[in-house]
Amino acid sequence: MMSHGGKREGAGRKPGSVNRLTVAKKRTLTEIAGDYTAEAIKTLVAIMKDPNAPAAARTTAANSILDRGHGKPKQPIEHDLNLDNLTDEQLAALAIALGAHPSAVDGLAGDRPAETAH
């Protein structure tokens, strides 16, 4: 008896071949959002300028525009580190951890910086 349908030898897309339609549709969220940047800014400006919009919405829109145009303000970090209480070795290790070139702290901590506790 002859059967119909099912897998046929050589039919379909070859293994490993690229589906061009799928590749064309695969865009990152950033790329997609980029298409709407100008419109989004215009919307924020419209909300910010709308005297009938709630004050909270106008403020949020204004802050969003400022954040995108100038970056978010830096937040202060509180700490209780007193550099006067650190040894020369600890100061040298801190300087290197913060990006100082080892030659800049040469001699401050002897041959090498003190190991830091983890």
Protein backbone atom coordinates (compact mmCIF):
# COMPACT_ATOMS: atom_id res chain seq x y z
CA MET A 1 0.00 0.00 0.00
CA MET A 2 1.33 3.43 -0.89
CA SER A 3 1.38 6.09 1.86
CA HIS A 4 1.00 9.82 1.39
CA GLY A 5 2.77 12.61 3.27
CA GLY A 6 5.50 12.22 5.82
CA LYS A 7 9.20 12.92 5.52
CA ARG A 8 10.60 12.87 2.01
CA GLU A 9 14.24 12.51 1.12
CA GLY A 10 15.82 15.92 0.33
CA ALA A 11 12.72 17.95 1.17
CA GLY A 12 12.73 21.13 3.24
CA ARG A 13 15.41 23.58 4.27
CA LYS A 14 18.84 22.03 4.61
CA PRO A 15 20.24 21.68 8.17
CA GLY A 16 22.34 24.67 9.16
CA SER A 17 20.94 26.95 6.48
CA VAL A 18 19.79 30.37 7.62
CA ASN A 19 16.17 31.37 7.53
CA ARG A 20 16.54 34.86 6.06
CA LEU A 21 13.10 36.00 7.20
CA THR A 22 13.84 35.10 10.84
CA VAL A 23 17.23 36.83 10.70
CA ALA A 24 15.61 39.99 9.33
CA LYS A 25 13.07 40.01 12.17
CA LYS A 26 15.60 39.42 14.97
CA ARG A 27 16.40 42.87 16.28
CA THR A 28 17.46 43.78 19.75
CA LEU A 29 15.14 45.68 22.02
CA THR A 30 17.56 48.60 21.88
CA GLU A 31 17.34 48.70 18.08
CA ILE A 32 13.55 48.59 18.16
CA ALA A 33 13.34 51.27 20.87
CA GLY A 34 15.71 53.43 18.84
CA ASP A 35 13.05 53.66 16.14
CA TYR A 36 10.78 55.47 18.61
CA THR A 37 13.27 57.75 20.38
CA ALA A 38 12.27 60.97 18.64
CA GLU A 39 8.56 60.25 19.08
CA ALA A 40 9.06 59.37 22.75
CA ILE A 41 10.91 62.63 23.43
CA LYS A 42 8.16 64.58 21.63
CA THR A 43 5.58 62.83 23.82
CA LEU A 44 7.51 63.66 26.99
CA VAL A 45 7.79 67.29 25.90
CA ALA A 46 4.05 67.43 25.15
CA ILE A 47 3.22 66.02 28.61
CA MET A 48 5.68 68.39 30.27
CA LYS A 49 4.14 71.41 28.52
CA ASP A 50 0.49 70.37 28.97
CA PRO A 51 -1.01 72.64 31.67
CA ASN A 52 -3.91 70.18 32.05
CA ALA A 53 -1.66 67.20 32.80
CA PRO A 54 -1.22 66.29 36.47
CA ALA A 55 1.79 67.93 38.09
CA ALA A 56 3.30 64.51 38.84
CA ALA A 57 3.14 63.55 35.15
CA ARG A 58 4.68 66.86 34.08
CA THR A 59 7.48 66.50 36.63
CA THR A 60 8.19 62.91 35.64
CA ALA A 61 8.31 63.90 31.96
CA ALA A 62 10.67 66.79 32.70
CA ASN A 63 12.95 64.57 34.79
CA SER A 64 13.00 61.92 32.07
CA ILE A 65 14.05 64.50 29.49
CA LEU A 66 16.79 65.84 31.78
CA ASP A 67 18.05 62.31 32.55
CA ARG A 68 18.34 61.46 28.87
CA GLY A 69 19.91 64.77 27.94
CA HIS A 70 22.36 65.13 30.81
CA GLY A 71 22.46 61.74 32.56
CA LYS A 72 21.14 60.98 36.00
CA PRO A 73 22.70 62.99 38.82
CA LYS A 74 25.45 61.21 40.73
CA GLN A 75 24.34 59.95 44.12
CA PRO A 76 26.60 60.57 47.11
CA ILE A 77 27.86 57.46 48.87
CA GLU A 78 28.21 57.51 52.61
CA HIS A 79 31.09 55.59 54.16
CA ASP A 80 32.95 55.48 57.42
CA LEU A 81 36.39 54.77 55.97
CA ASN A 82 39.04 56.78 57.78
CA LEU A 83 42.19 56.81 55.65
CA ASP A 84 44.22 58.02 58.66
CA ASN A 85 43.79 54.59 60.26
CA LEU A 86 45.12 52.58 57.29
CA THR A 87 48.64 51.21 57.15
CA ASP A 88 50.97 52.10 54.28
CA GLU A 89 50.38 48.63 52.84
CA GLN A 90 46.61 49.09 52.95
CA LEU A 91 46.86 52.54 51.36
CA ALA A 92 49.05 51.13 48.58
CA ALA A 93 46.59 48.28 47.94
CA LEU A 94 43.69 50.74 47.88
CA ALA A 95 45.51 53.04 45.45
CA ILE A 96 46.22 50.14 43.09
CA ALA A 97 42.63 48.88 43.36
CA LEU A 98 41.43 52.36 42.40
CA GLY A 99 43.62 52.36 39.30
CA ALA A 100 46.97 53.81 40.39
CA HIS A 101 49.93 52.41 38.52
CA PRO A 102 51.97 50.15 40.84
CA SER A 103 55.07 52.27 40.22
CA ALA A 104 53.22 55.25 41.71
CA VAL A 105 53.03 53.49 45.06
CA ASP A 106 56.44 51.81 44.84
CA GLY A 107 58.23 51.94 48.14
CA LEU A 108 55.12 52.98 50.07
CA ALA A 109 54.25 49.41 50.98
CA GLY A 110 57.60 47.70 50.63
CA ASP A 111 57.95 45.14 47.86
CA ARG A 112 54.23 44.47 47.30
CA PRO A 113 50.83 45.66 48.56
CA ALA A 114 49.30 43.86 51.52
CA GLU A 115 46.81 41.14 50.69
CA THR A 116 43.23 42.15 51.20
CA ALA A 117 40.82 39.99 53.17
CA HIS A 118 37.91 38.53 51.24
